[in-house]
Amino acid sequence: MSDESGNIVEWPVYQRARNELGSDFVRILAYFREDGIKSVAAIEAASRASDAVALVIPAHTLKGEARQFGAMQLAALAELIEMTARRCIEDHQAPDELIAEVVKLRPLFEQTLELCEHEANPPAARRAVFGRKVQAL
């Protein structure tokens, strides 16, 4: 359960969520996919519109859902976007300083989701077939 791309997912947190959610885990992970796609798109649209207010809720949502699955890098990036947007609102400034972070968001979300879904549904080649062990790839 490790990845070569850094600590994108904290696997002990992921595994704890998997254990706690039991048979609902795959369904909740699918919600993370659906909600995440919507949140990332909303964040990108708000960034293009220079709308700090519109950044807050989707970034907050993404942060919370990412933490649930141990996706701490994604959660940290979403939190940075959320908190910076909140500061921009308070200071009556456009969130232009977030452009670089928003650009990083979609690739990180996609990579995170790929890792989480792969771990939830490992390829058949990794499973034993009718009591016979399959050699590791």
Protein backbone atom coordinates (compact mmCIF):
# COMPACT_ATOMS: atom_id res chain seq x y z
CA MET A 1 0.00 0.00 0.00
CA SER A 2 2.70 2.49 -0.83
CA ASP A 3 3.16 4.78 -3.76
CA GLU A 4 6.31 6.04 -5.41
CA SER A 5 4.93 9.55 -5.82
CA GLY A 6 5.41 10.64 -2.23
CA ASN A 7 2.98 10.50 0.63
CA ILE A 8 -0.10 11.47 -1.30
CA VAL A 9 -2.25 9.11 0.75
CA GLU A 10 -1.60 8.26 4.38
CA TRP A 11 -2.48 4.60 4.16
CA PRO A 12 -3.15 4.03 7.88
CA VAL A 13 -5.86 6.74 7.75
CA TYR A 14 -7.24 5.25 4.52
CA GLN A 15 -7.31 1.77 6.05
CA ARG A 16 -9.01 3.04 9.21
CA ALA A 17 -11.74 4.65 7.06
CA ARG A 18 -12.07 1.42 5.11
CA ASN A 19 -12.45 -0.60 8.31
CA GLU A 20 -14.91 1.84 9.88
CA LEU A 21 -17.09 2.17 6.77
CA GLY A 22 -17.06 -1.55 6.02
CA SER A 23 -19.32 -2.47 3.12
CA ASP A 24 -20.18 1.21 2.58
CA PHE A 25 -16.56 2.11 1.83
CA VAL A 26 -16.69 1.75 -1.96
CA ARG A 27 -19.93 3.74 -2.13
CA ILE A 28 -18.49 6.56 0.02
CA LEU A 29 -15.32 6.55 -2.12
CA ALA A 30 -17.56 6.99 -5.18
CA TYR A 31 -19.14 10.01 -3.46
CA PHE A 32 -15.64 11.38 -2.89
CA ARG A 33 -15.04 11.04 -6.65
CA GLU A 34 -18.33 12.74 -7.58
CA ASP A 35 -18.08 15.52 -4.99
CA GLY A 36 -14.38 16.03 -5.71
CA ILE A 37 -14.95 16.44 -9.44
CA LYS A 38 -17.62 19.06 -8.70
CA SER A 39 -15.48 20.82 -6.08
CA VAL A 40 -12.41 21.00 -8.32
CA ALA A 41 -14.49 22.36 -11.21
CA ALA A 42 -16.11 24.95 -8.92
CA ILE A 43 -12.71 26.01 -7.56
CA GLU A 44 -11.33 26.38 -11.09
CA ALA A 45 -14.36 28.40 -12.19
CA ALA A 46 -14.17 30.65 -9.12
CA SER A 47 -10.46 31.18 -9.72
CA ARG A 48 -11.07 32.15 -13.37
CA ALA A 49 -13.76 34.57 -12.19
CA SER A 50 -11.48 35.92 -9.43
CA ASP A 51 -14.28 35.18 -6.96
CA ALA A 52 -12.87 34.51 -3.50
CA VAL A 53 -16.31 33.89 -2.00
CA ALA A 54 -17.04 31.11 -4.50
CA LEU A 55 -13.73 29.39 -3.63
CA VAL A 56 -14.49 28.83 0.04
CA ILE A 57 -17.23 26.18 0.13
CA PRO A 58 -15.88 23.81 -2.54
CA ALA A 59 -12.37 24.03 -1.05
CA HIS A 60 -13.77 23.38 2.43
CA THR A 61 -15.78 20.40 1.16
CA LEU A 62 -12.80 18.93 -0.69
CA LYS A 63 -10.59 19.38 2.37
CA GLY A 64 -12.93 17.45 4.64
CA GLU A 65 -13.58 14.60 2.25
CA ALA A 66 -9.90 14.24 1.40
CA ARG A 67 -8.98 13.97 5.09
CA GLN A 68 -11.51 11.18 5.55
CA PHE A 69 -9.55 9.02 3.09
CA GLY A 70 -6.07 10.02 4.28
CA ALA A 71 -5.46 12.23 1.24
CA MET A 72 -3.54 14.74 3.32
CA GLN A 73 -1.67 16.49 0.48
CA LEU A 74 -4.96 17.16 -1.26
CA ALA A 75 -6.56 18.24 2.02
CA ALA A 76 -3.66 20.62 2.72
CA LEU A 77 -3.89 22.19 -0.74
CA ALA A 78 -7.67 22.59 -0.42
CA GLU A 79 -7.20 24.11 3.03
CA LEU A 80 -4.62 26.57 1.69
CA ILE A 81 -7.07 27.61 -1.03
CA GLU A 82 -9.92 27.91 1.47
CA MET A 83 -8.00 29.91 4.06
CA THR A 84 -6.39 32.21 1.49
CA ALA A 85 -9.78 32.84 -0.09
CA ARG A 86 -11.21 33.69 3.35
CA ARG A 87 -8.36 36.16 3.91
CA CYS A 88 -8.96 37.67 0.48
CA ILE A 89 -12.63 38.15 1.37
CA GLU A 90 -11.73 39.87 4.62
CA ASP A 91 -9.16 42.08 2.88
CA HIS A 92 -11.46 42.78 -0.10
CA GLN A 93 -8.86 41.41 -2.53
CA ALA A 94 -9.08 39.20 -5.57
CA PRO A 95 -7.69 35.69 -5.00
CA ASP A 96 -5.13 36.03 -7.81
CA GLU A 97 -2.36 34.71 -5.58
CA LEU A 98 -4.08 31.30 -5.64
CA ILE A 99 -3.70 30.70 -9.37
CA ALA A 100 -0.66 28.43 -8.99
CA GLU A 101 -2.36 26.37 -6.26
CA VAL A 102 -5.55 26.02 -8.28
CA VAL A 103 -3.50 24.79 -11.25
CA LYS A 104 -1.98 22.08 -9.03
CA LEU A 105 -5.35 20.97 -7.67
CA ARG A 106 -6.80 18.90 -10.53
CA PRO A 107 -3.68 16.78 -11.17
CA LEU A 108 -3.29 16.12 -7.44
CA PHE A 109 -6.98 15.22 -7.10
CA GLU A 110 -6.80 12.85 -10.07
CA GLN A 111 -3.62 11.18 -8.81
CA THR A 112 -5.05 10.84 -5.32
CA LEU A 113 -8.29 9.37 -6.60
CA GLU A 114 -6.42 6.91 -8.79
CA LEU A 115 -4.40 5.68 -5.81
CA CYS A 116 -7.45 5.38 -3.56
CA GLU A 117 -9.55 3.59 -6.15
CA HIS A 118 -6.72 1.25 -7.08
CA GLU A 119 -6.31 0.27 -3.44
CA ALA A 120 -10.06 -0.22 -3.06
CA ASN A 121 -10.26 -2.42 -6.18
CA PRO A 122 -6.89 -4.10 -6.74
CA PRO A 123 -6.44 -5.72 -10.15
CA ALA A 124 -7.54 -9.32 -10.45
CA ALA A 125 -3.95 -10.32 -11.21
CA ARG A 126 -3.01 -9.52 -7.62
CA ARG A 127 -5.64 -11.88 -6.17
CA ALA A 128 -5.36 -15.57 -5.55
CA VAL A 129 -7.42 -17.61 -8.01
CA PHE A 130 -9.33 -20.53 -6.47
CA GLY A 131 -6.72 -21.18 -3.82
CA ARG A 132 -3.80 -20.88 -6.24
CA LYS A 133 -1.36 -18.08 -5.56
CA VAL A 134 -0.74 -15.69 -8.40
CA GLN A 135 2.85 -14.54 -8.70
CA ALA A 136 3.44 -10.87 -7.97
CA LEU A 137 3.89 -8.66 -10.98
